[in-house]
C-alpha cells in the first residue's frame, strides 16, 4: 500500500486568524486505507468545523501536544509555513527532526521566510512548497495555489468593500444618483479573476491590469476594462503561461501606465505574482499618497513580498487616508470551503510523492522538482536562492 508504515502528522495551525487544517476526516480515511498512521493534534480541525470525534471515527489518533506529534511523524502536512509557537516558546522548525518531510505553503522567496527555510535546511528537513506546483494537467488535483487563490480573490474584494465609506454599485436616491465605486485589479490570474467577478457582482466599475494578453482577455470576458500597459508578449510571458519577471525598465513603464488608474480607484486589489519569486512592486507609495482618502487596498500578493510598496505584512494600516490590508491568510477567513479544497489538494500531492511507503524525491518529476525547497541539509529552491543573492 502507498503509505504503508508512514506516520503522517496534522498539527493545529498557530498563525493568528488561521482556521484551516491540512486534512479533513475524508482525506484522513483515504490515507489510513492506504496504510498510513495519521496523527491529528487535538482541536486541529475545530476552526474549519471538523471535530476530533470525526477524525477518530475516520481512524486517526488524536495527539494532545504539538511537540509529540512533530516527534512521531514522518511527514508533516501543514497549511502555513512554520512560525514561532508562543505557547511552547519554540519555533515550529525546532520541533522538527532530520529526515522529516514537510509539505505546506512555504513561500521561500519571501524575505520574511528566508531564515526559516535556512533553519530547516540546517536541521536536515525535507521541505516542499505547494506554491511551486506547476500548472500542468497532471497537477490539477494538487494545485493548492489555484484553490486558495480562488478563495483569496473572492474574499479580498469583500474585505475592501467592507472598509469602503461608500456604495459599490450605482444607487438611485430621492436626491440623485450615487456613482458606482471604481475597482482596479492588478494581476488577473486565478485570484485576480475572482476579484474581478466579485466586484462586478457587487456592481462596481472594474479595471484590470495584467501584462499577459490572455489574462486581459479573460478579465474582459468578466466585464472588466483592461488597461494596456504596453509590455510586449515575448517579455511578459514565462514558460507555462505565467507572468515573467520584467526587466527594471519595463517594470517602470508598467508603473507609469498604472499610476493614473490606481489614483482614480476607490479599491485596488493586487494579485500579481511570479511563480517562485518575489512579487513585483507595482503600486508605489507615491500612488497611494495620491489616492482619494477613504480608498482601500488589499495586497493579496503579500505572502510573496507584496505588490504595494508600503504594505505591512500581516497588518491592516491606514496611510495617507487609505487603508492598506496586508492580511497574510485570506483563505483562512473562509475556512470550511478552503479546507475542503486544500485537504484534497495536499492529499493528491502527498500520494504523488510517496511510493511504497517511502518518500520518493524523483527529480525527473516536474511537480517535485519545482516544489522542493530543502533536502540533505541544503537549500535548493531556485527562487529562494535568487532572492537571497545566493545563486
Foldseek 3Di string as FASTA:
>chain_A
DQAAPFEEEWEADDPPLFQATQAALVLLLVNVVVHYAYEYEAPRNVSLPGHPVSNVVSPHHYDDDPLVRQVPGQEYEGAEDWQQDPVVRGTVLVSHAANREYEYAQLLLAPVRVVVLLSNLQRNYWYFHLLLFAPDPVQPLQNLVLLLLLLQLQLVLVVQCVQFPDAQAWDADPVGIDHHFEEEEEAQDNSSLNNLLNSVVSHHAYEYEAQAPVSQVSSVVSPHHYQHLPDDNVQQADPNRAGDDHDPVSLVSSLVSCLVVLQRGLEYEYDRDDRLAAGAARAEPVSVLNHDQRGEYEFQSVSRPTNYPPADACDFDADNNYTYHNRPRSSSNVHNSSNVSSNSSVSVVVSVQTGPNDGHQPCVDSRSVRGTQHHPSDGDHPRSCVSVVND
